N, C-alpha and C. Protein backbone atom coordinates (compact mmCIF):
# COMPACT_ATOMS: atom_id res chain seq x y z
N MET A 1 101.54 96.54 100.61
CA MET A 1 101.55 96.20 99.19
C MET A 1 100.13 96.05 98.71
N LEU A 2 99.94 96.48 97.49
CA LEU A 2 98.60 96.27 96.87
C LEU A 2 98.77 95.31 95.73
N SER A 3 97.71 94.53 95.50
CA SER A 3 97.73 93.52 94.36
C SER A 3 96.37 93.33 93.72
N SER A 4 96.52 93.05 92.46
CA SER A 4 95.27 92.60 91.74
C SER A 4 94.75 91.35 92.41
N ASP A 5 93.49 91.02 92.26
CA ASP A 5 92.98 89.83 92.92
C ASP A 5 93.16 88.55 91.97
N LEU A 6 93.76 88.83 90.80
CA LEU A 6 94.05 87.69 89.98
C LEU A 6 95.23 86.82 90.43
N VAL A 7 95.13 85.52 90.36
CA VAL A 7 96.07 84.70 91.02
C VAL A 7 97.58 84.91 90.63
N ARG A 8 97.83 85.15 89.31
CA ARG A 8 99.27 85.46 88.97
C ARG A 8 99.85 86.66 89.69
N ALA A 9 98.93 87.64 90.00
CA ALA A 9 99.49 88.82 90.74
C ALA A 9 99.62 88.58 92.24
N THR A 10 98.58 87.87 92.84
CA THR A 10 98.63 87.65 94.21
C THR A 10 99.80 86.69 94.63
N GLU A 11 100.07 85.78 93.71
CA GLU A 11 101.25 84.85 93.96
C GLU A 11 102.48 85.51 93.96
N THR A 12 102.64 86.44 92.88
CA THR A 12 103.92 87.23 92.84
C THR A 12 104.04 88.14 94.04
N ALA A 13 102.94 88.74 94.52
CA ALA A 13 103.00 89.59 95.73
C ALA A 13 103.37 88.79 96.93
N ARG A 14 102.80 87.62 97.06
CA ARG A 14 103.15 86.74 98.17
C ARG A 14 104.54 86.33 98.20
N ILE A 15 105.09 86.00 97.04
CA ILE A 15 106.55 85.71 96.95
C ILE A 15 107.40 86.90 97.32
N ALA A 16 107.05 88.04 96.82
CA ALA A 16 107.86 89.27 97.09
C ALA A 16 107.78 89.57 98.60
N LEU A 17 106.64 89.47 99.23
CA LEU A 17 106.43 89.84 100.57
C LEU A 17 106.94 88.76 101.59
N GLY A 18 106.87 87.59 101.17
CA GLY A 18 107.20 86.40 102.14
C GLY A 18 105.94 86.21 103.01
N ASP A 19 105.92 85.00 103.55
CA ASP A 19 104.76 84.56 104.31
C ASP A 19 104.37 85.46 105.47
N ALA A 20 105.34 85.97 106.14
CA ALA A 20 105.07 86.82 107.32
C ALA A 20 104.37 88.06 107.02
N LEU A 21 104.71 88.69 105.86
CA LEU A 21 104.00 89.93 105.48
C LEU A 21 102.85 89.77 104.64
N ALA A 22 102.64 88.61 104.02
CA ALA A 22 101.58 88.41 103.08
C ALA A 22 100.13 88.75 103.55
N ALA A 23 100.00 88.52 104.89
CA ALA A 23 98.78 88.76 105.56
C ALA A 23 98.35 90.38 105.46
N ARG A 24 99.33 91.21 105.34
CA ARG A 24 99.14 92.59 105.31
C ARG A 24 98.85 93.09 103.88
N MET A 25 98.94 92.22 102.94
CA MET A 25 98.66 92.63 101.49
C MET A 25 97.24 92.99 101.31
N HIS A 26 97.04 94.12 100.59
CA HIS A 26 95.65 94.59 100.25
C HIS A 26 95.32 94.12 98.81
N VAL A 27 94.40 93.25 98.64
CA VAL A 27 94.07 92.74 97.36
C VAL A 27 92.74 93.54 96.85
N ASP A 28 92.77 93.95 95.59
CA ASP A 28 91.73 94.81 95.06
C ASP A 28 91.40 94.47 93.67
N PRO A 29 90.13 94.11 93.32
CA PRO A 29 89.82 93.69 91.94
C PRO A 29 89.95 94.89 91.00
N ARG A 30 89.97 96.14 91.42
CA ARG A 30 90.24 97.31 90.59
C ARG A 30 91.58 97.28 89.96
N LEU A 31 92.48 96.50 90.45
CA LEU A 31 93.83 96.45 89.93
C LEU A 31 93.96 95.21 88.89
N ARG A 32 92.87 94.71 88.52
CA ARG A 32 92.92 93.62 87.53
C ARG A 32 93.29 94.03 86.11
N GLU A 33 93.72 93.11 85.35
CA GLU A 33 94.13 93.39 83.93
C GLU A 33 92.88 93.94 83.24
N ARG A 34 93.11 94.59 82.12
CA ARG A 34 92.07 95.16 81.36
C ARG A 34 91.13 94.00 80.81
N SER A 35 89.85 94.37 80.81
CA SER A 35 88.88 93.46 80.24
C SER A 35 88.79 93.69 78.69
N CYS A 36 88.97 92.75 78.00
CA CYS A 36 88.92 92.86 76.53
C CYS A 36 87.61 92.34 75.99
N GLY A 37 86.61 92.11 76.94
CA GLY A 37 85.20 91.76 76.50
C GLY A 37 85.21 90.59 75.45
N ALA A 38 84.51 90.89 74.37
CA ALA A 38 84.35 89.83 73.36
C ALA A 38 85.68 89.40 72.73
N TRP A 39 86.74 90.21 72.92
CA TRP A 39 88.07 89.87 72.31
C TRP A 39 88.96 89.05 73.28
N GLU A 40 88.48 88.68 74.45
CA GLU A 40 89.23 87.87 75.40
C GLU A 40 89.65 86.64 74.71
N ARG A 41 90.91 86.24 74.96
CA ARG A 41 91.51 84.93 74.42
C ARG A 41 91.73 84.98 72.96
N ARG A 42 91.62 86.06 72.36
CA ARG A 42 92.10 86.08 70.89
C ARG A 42 93.56 86.18 70.82
N GLU A 43 94.19 85.57 69.87
CA GLU A 43 95.63 85.62 69.77
C GLU A 43 96.11 86.86 69.24
N ILE A 44 97.19 87.36 69.68
CA ILE A 44 97.77 88.62 69.29
C ILE A 44 97.96 88.79 67.80
N GLY A 45 98.43 87.73 67.12
CA GLY A 45 98.57 87.72 65.73
C GLY A 45 97.28 87.97 64.96
N GLU A 46 96.28 87.40 65.42
CA GLU A 46 94.86 87.53 64.82
C GLU A 46 94.39 88.87 65.01
N LEU A 47 94.60 89.47 66.22
CA LEU A 47 94.30 90.88 66.53
C LEU A 47 95.00 91.89 65.56
N GLU A 48 96.31 91.57 65.42
CA GLU A 48 97.19 92.34 64.42
C GLU A 48 96.58 92.27 63.10
N ARG A 49 96.36 91.11 62.56
CA ARG A 49 95.88 90.86 61.21
C ARG A 49 94.58 91.57 60.88
N SER A 50 93.60 91.51 61.98
CA SER A 50 92.30 92.12 61.78
C SER A 50 92.30 93.58 61.94
N GLY A 51 93.34 94.15 62.46
CA GLY A 51 93.45 95.61 62.74
C GLY A 51 92.89 95.91 64.17
N ASP A 52 92.42 94.94 64.80
CA ASP A 52 91.80 95.19 66.20
C ASP A 52 92.80 95.54 67.14
N MET A 53 94.09 95.20 67.05
CA MET A 53 95.13 95.54 67.89
C MET A 53 95.37 97.09 68.00
N MET A 54 95.20 97.75 66.80
CA MET A 54 95.29 99.19 66.77
C MET A 54 94.28 99.79 67.71
N ARG A 55 92.99 99.26 67.72
CA ARG A 55 92.02 99.80 68.68
C ARG A 55 92.37 99.61 70.14
N LEU A 56 92.98 98.44 70.39
CA LEU A 56 93.41 98.17 71.78
C LEU A 56 94.53 99.18 72.20
N ARG A 57 95.36 99.57 71.26
CA ARG A 57 96.48 100.47 71.62
C ARG A 57 96.01 101.91 71.79
N GLU A 58 94.80 102.22 71.30
CA GLU A 58 94.26 103.58 71.44
C GLU A 58 93.80 103.83 72.86
N PHE A 59 94.08 104.98 73.44
CA PHE A 59 93.73 105.28 74.89
C PHE A 59 92.24 105.06 75.03
N ASP A 60 91.46 105.49 74.06
CA ASP A 60 90.02 105.41 74.19
C ASP A 60 89.41 104.24 73.39
N GLY A 61 90.27 103.32 72.86
CA GLY A 61 89.78 102.25 72.07
C GLY A 61 89.19 101.21 72.99
N ARG A 62 88.00 100.82 72.78
CA ARG A 62 87.27 99.90 73.72
C ARG A 62 86.77 98.70 72.83
N PRO A 63 87.29 97.56 73.17
CA PRO A 63 86.72 96.30 72.44
C PRO A 63 85.25 96.13 72.83
N PRO A 64 84.45 95.47 72.06
CA PRO A 64 83.05 95.19 72.35
C PRO A 64 82.91 94.54 73.79
N GLY A 65 82.26 95.27 74.65
CA GLY A 65 81.96 94.72 76.01
C GLY A 65 83.18 94.85 77.02
N GLY A 66 84.24 95.47 76.49
CA GLY A 66 85.43 95.56 77.30
C GLY A 66 85.76 97.01 77.71
N GLU A 67 87.01 97.21 78.10
CA GLU A 67 87.43 98.54 78.61
C GLU A 67 88.49 99.17 77.79
N SER A 68 88.43 100.48 77.81
CA SER A 68 89.60 101.30 77.21
C SER A 68 90.68 101.42 78.14
N LEU A 69 91.85 101.87 77.64
CA LEU A 69 92.92 102.12 78.64
C LEU A 69 92.60 103.27 79.56
N ARG A 70 91.86 104.22 79.15
CA ARG A 70 91.29 105.32 80.00
C ARG A 70 90.47 104.65 81.16
N ASP A 71 89.55 103.72 80.78
CA ASP A 71 88.75 103.08 81.82
C ASP A 71 89.67 102.41 82.86
N VAL A 72 90.63 101.69 82.46
CA VAL A 72 91.51 100.99 83.27
C VAL A 72 92.31 102.00 84.21
N ALA A 73 92.80 102.98 83.64
CA ALA A 73 93.54 104.08 84.46
C ALA A 73 92.54 104.69 85.57
N LEU A 74 91.42 104.94 85.15
CA LEU A 74 90.47 105.56 86.14
C LEU A 74 90.09 104.64 87.28
N ARG A 75 89.86 103.32 86.98
CA ARG A 75 89.62 102.34 88.04
C ARG A 75 90.74 102.11 88.87
N ALA A 76 92.00 101.99 88.30
CA ALA A 76 93.20 101.80 89.11
C ALA A 76 93.50 102.98 89.95
N LEU A 77 93.39 104.19 89.45
CA LEU A 77 93.65 105.34 90.26
C LEU A 77 92.68 105.41 91.44
N ALA A 78 91.40 105.08 91.24
CA ALA A 78 90.47 104.99 92.35
C ALA A 78 90.93 103.94 93.42
N ALA A 79 91.42 102.86 92.98
CA ALA A 79 91.90 101.92 93.97
C ALA A 79 93.09 102.39 94.69
N LEU A 80 93.91 103.18 94.06
CA LEU A 80 95.19 103.72 94.64
C LEU A 80 94.91 104.91 95.61
N SER A 81 93.85 105.57 95.40
CA SER A 81 93.61 106.83 96.14
C SER A 81 93.62 106.65 97.64
N PRO A 82 93.09 105.61 98.24
CA PRO A 82 93.17 105.49 99.71
C PRO A 82 94.55 105.31 100.26
N PHE A 83 95.54 105.06 99.46
CA PHE A 83 96.82 104.91 99.78
C PHE A 83 97.80 106.02 99.46
N ASP A 84 97.15 107.18 99.07
CA ASP A 84 97.80 108.36 98.68
C ASP A 84 98.12 109.20 99.88
N ASP A 85 99.12 108.65 100.69
CA ASP A 85 99.41 109.27 102.01
C ASP A 85 100.85 109.64 102.18
N GLY A 86 101.67 109.55 101.10
CA GLY A 86 103.06 109.90 101.24
C GLY A 86 103.99 108.78 101.60
N THR A 87 103.34 107.55 101.80
CA THR A 87 104.21 106.39 102.14
C THR A 87 104.58 105.67 100.87
N HIS A 88 105.54 104.75 101.01
CA HIS A 88 105.82 103.93 99.82
C HIS A 88 104.84 102.87 99.74
N THR A 89 104.37 102.64 98.50
CA THR A 89 103.35 101.56 98.23
C THR A 89 103.72 100.77 96.99
N ALA A 90 103.85 99.48 97.17
CA ALA A 90 104.19 98.64 96.00
C ALA A 90 102.82 98.08 95.42
N VAL A 91 102.76 98.02 94.15
CA VAL A 91 101.61 97.51 93.47
C VAL A 91 101.97 96.43 92.50
N VAL A 92 101.30 95.31 92.68
CA VAL A 92 101.54 94.08 91.78
C VAL A 92 100.26 94.02 90.85
N CYS A 93 100.53 94.30 89.57
CA CYS A 93 99.30 94.35 88.74
C CYS A 93 99.79 93.83 87.34
N HIS A 94 99.16 94.29 86.30
CA HIS A 94 99.21 93.74 85.00
C HIS A 94 99.62 94.79 83.96
N GLY A 95 99.98 94.28 82.77
CA GLY A 95 100.61 95.15 81.72
C GLY A 95 99.75 96.25 81.26
N ALA A 96 98.54 96.04 80.88
CA ALA A 96 97.65 97.17 80.40
C ALA A 96 97.45 98.18 81.46
N LEU A 97 97.25 97.74 82.68
CA LEU A 97 97.03 98.60 83.80
C LEU A 97 98.23 99.45 84.04
N MET A 98 99.47 98.81 83.97
CA MET A 98 100.75 99.62 84.09
C MET A 98 100.83 100.60 82.91
N ARG A 99 100.54 100.17 81.75
CA ARG A 99 100.60 101.02 80.61
C ARG A 99 99.81 102.29 80.72
N ALA A 100 98.51 102.09 81.20
CA ALA A 100 97.55 103.24 81.33
C ALA A 100 97.92 104.06 82.45
N VAL A 101 98.28 103.56 83.63
CA VAL A 101 98.52 104.46 84.80
C VAL A 101 99.94 105.10 84.65
N ILE A 102 100.90 104.35 84.30
CA ILE A 102 102.27 105.00 84.18
C ILE A 102 102.29 106.02 83.08
N GLY A 103 101.59 105.76 82.03
CA GLY A 103 101.48 106.73 80.93
C GLY A 103 100.83 107.97 81.39
N ALA A 104 99.75 107.84 82.17
CA ALA A 104 99.10 109.00 82.67
C ALA A 104 99.94 109.78 83.72
N ILE A 105 100.60 109.04 84.58
CA ILE A 105 101.52 109.65 85.55
C ILE A 105 102.65 110.42 84.87
N ASP A 106 103.21 109.83 83.87
CA ASP A 106 104.31 110.42 83.23
C ASP A 106 103.91 111.56 82.20
N GLY A 107 102.59 111.72 82.07
CA GLY A 107 102.15 112.77 81.02
C GLY A 107 102.38 112.41 79.67
N VAL A 108 102.43 111.10 79.31
CA VAL A 108 102.63 110.65 77.94
C VAL A 108 101.31 111.01 77.13
N ALA A 109 101.58 111.48 75.85
CA ALA A 109 100.45 111.84 75.06
C ALA A 109 99.60 110.59 74.92
N ILE A 110 98.23 110.83 74.90
CA ILE A 110 97.28 109.69 74.87
C ILE A 110 97.49 108.86 73.55
N THR A 111 98.04 109.51 72.58
CA THR A 111 98.31 108.82 71.27
C THR A 111 99.47 107.87 71.37
N GLU A 112 100.33 108.03 72.45
CA GLU A 112 101.49 107.21 72.63
C GLU A 112 101.38 106.16 73.82
N ILE A 113 100.45 106.34 74.63
CA ILE A 113 100.31 105.53 75.87
C ILE A 113 100.24 103.99 75.53
N GLY A 114 99.39 103.62 74.56
CA GLY A 114 99.20 102.20 74.12
C GLY A 114 100.37 101.60 73.44
N LEU A 115 101.41 102.33 73.21
CA LEU A 115 102.61 101.76 72.52
C LEU A 115 103.66 101.08 73.38
N TRP A 116 103.75 101.49 74.73
CA TRP A 116 104.67 100.94 75.68
C TRP A 116 104.11 99.71 76.20
N LYS A 117 104.95 98.68 76.27
CA LYS A 117 104.53 97.36 76.87
C LYS A 117 105.62 96.98 77.87
N PRO A 118 105.27 96.94 79.15
CA PRO A 118 106.19 96.66 80.18
C PRO A 118 106.54 95.15 80.05
N ASP A 119 107.74 94.84 80.42
CA ASP A 119 108.19 93.43 80.39
C ASP A 119 107.51 92.73 81.50
N ASN A 120 107.45 91.41 81.35
CA ASN A 120 106.83 90.56 82.40
C ASN A 120 107.71 90.73 83.64
N CYS A 121 107.07 90.94 84.78
CA CYS A 121 107.67 91.21 86.10
C CYS A 121 108.62 92.41 86.14
N GLU A 122 108.40 93.37 85.22
CA GLU A 122 109.18 94.64 85.19
C GLU A 122 108.78 95.42 86.46
N VAL A 123 109.79 96.07 87.10
CA VAL A 123 109.61 96.92 88.24
C VAL A 123 109.61 98.33 87.76
N VAL A 124 108.61 99.16 87.99
CA VAL A 124 108.54 100.46 87.58
C VAL A 124 108.33 101.40 88.76
N ILE A 125 109.14 102.31 89.00
CA ILE A 125 109.11 103.16 90.27
C ILE A 125 108.78 104.56 89.91
N ARG A 126 107.77 105.16 90.59
CA ARG A 126 107.37 106.48 90.43
C ARG A 126 107.17 107.06 91.82
N SER A 127 107.57 108.31 91.99
CA SER A 127 107.38 109.00 93.20
C SER A 127 106.41 110.19 92.91
N LEU A 128 105.27 110.17 93.70
CA LEU A 128 104.24 111.05 93.44
C LEU A 128 103.99 111.97 94.69
N PRO A 129 103.77 113.25 94.50
CA PRO A 129 103.28 114.00 95.68
C PRO A 129 101.89 113.62 96.07
N ILE A 130 101.55 113.87 97.28
CA ILE A 130 100.20 113.59 97.86
C ILE A 130 99.24 114.36 96.93
N GLY A 131 98.17 113.73 96.55
CA GLY A 131 97.14 114.34 95.71
C GLY A 131 97.30 114.21 94.23
N ARG A 132 98.50 113.80 93.78
CA ARG A 132 98.72 113.56 92.40
C ARG A 132 97.83 112.58 91.73
N PRO A 133 97.62 111.41 92.34
CA PRO A 133 96.73 110.40 91.64
C PRO A 133 95.28 110.95 91.41
N ALA A 134 94.76 111.65 92.36
CA ALA A 134 93.47 112.31 92.16
C ALA A 134 93.44 113.40 91.06
N ALA A 135 94.46 114.09 91.02
CA ALA A 135 94.58 115.10 89.96
C ALA A 135 94.71 114.53 88.63
N ILE A 136 95.49 113.33 88.53
CA ILE A 136 95.57 112.67 87.27
C ILE A 136 94.17 112.11 86.87
N ALA A 137 93.50 111.49 87.77
CA ALA A 137 92.14 111.00 87.48
C ALA A 137 91.24 112.09 86.98
N SER A 138 91.27 113.18 87.71
CA SER A 138 90.37 114.29 87.27
C SER A 138 90.71 114.77 85.77
N SER A 139 91.99 114.80 85.47
CA SER A 139 92.38 115.20 84.15
C SER A 139 91.90 114.22 82.99
N LEU A 140 91.69 112.90 83.47
CA LEU A 140 91.26 111.85 82.53
C LEU A 140 89.73 111.82 82.40
N GLU A 141 89.02 112.36 83.37
CA GLU A 141 87.54 112.29 83.33
C GLU A 141 86.93 113.09 82.26
């Protein structure tokens, strides 16, 4: 199992794995939530009123000092590439990362990727042939 290094993800992964298997969990900071830079901790309502939420929903929209969804997808796919060996891998991560990576995996138009919002603790399953994560990353660069 892979997990973001943020506490809410590692705790969820530990609960899912149980104490006996938690030691085998691979924690990677590249699976962290999107950095919103100067917009961190702003309320969603305020982002909506200001129009900044539209920028966050754009695949290449980048808040000042933060990351775009494309940036997030590329760093997450880099974290997943060492595990691209045909085995089952569970990843415990965050909403924007799921939005960016699942959208790219599913071939969602970049104009639509930012519109899907996974539910809290939603399980999303995808089966990828070996080499597909690298091919997706290449197509995003």
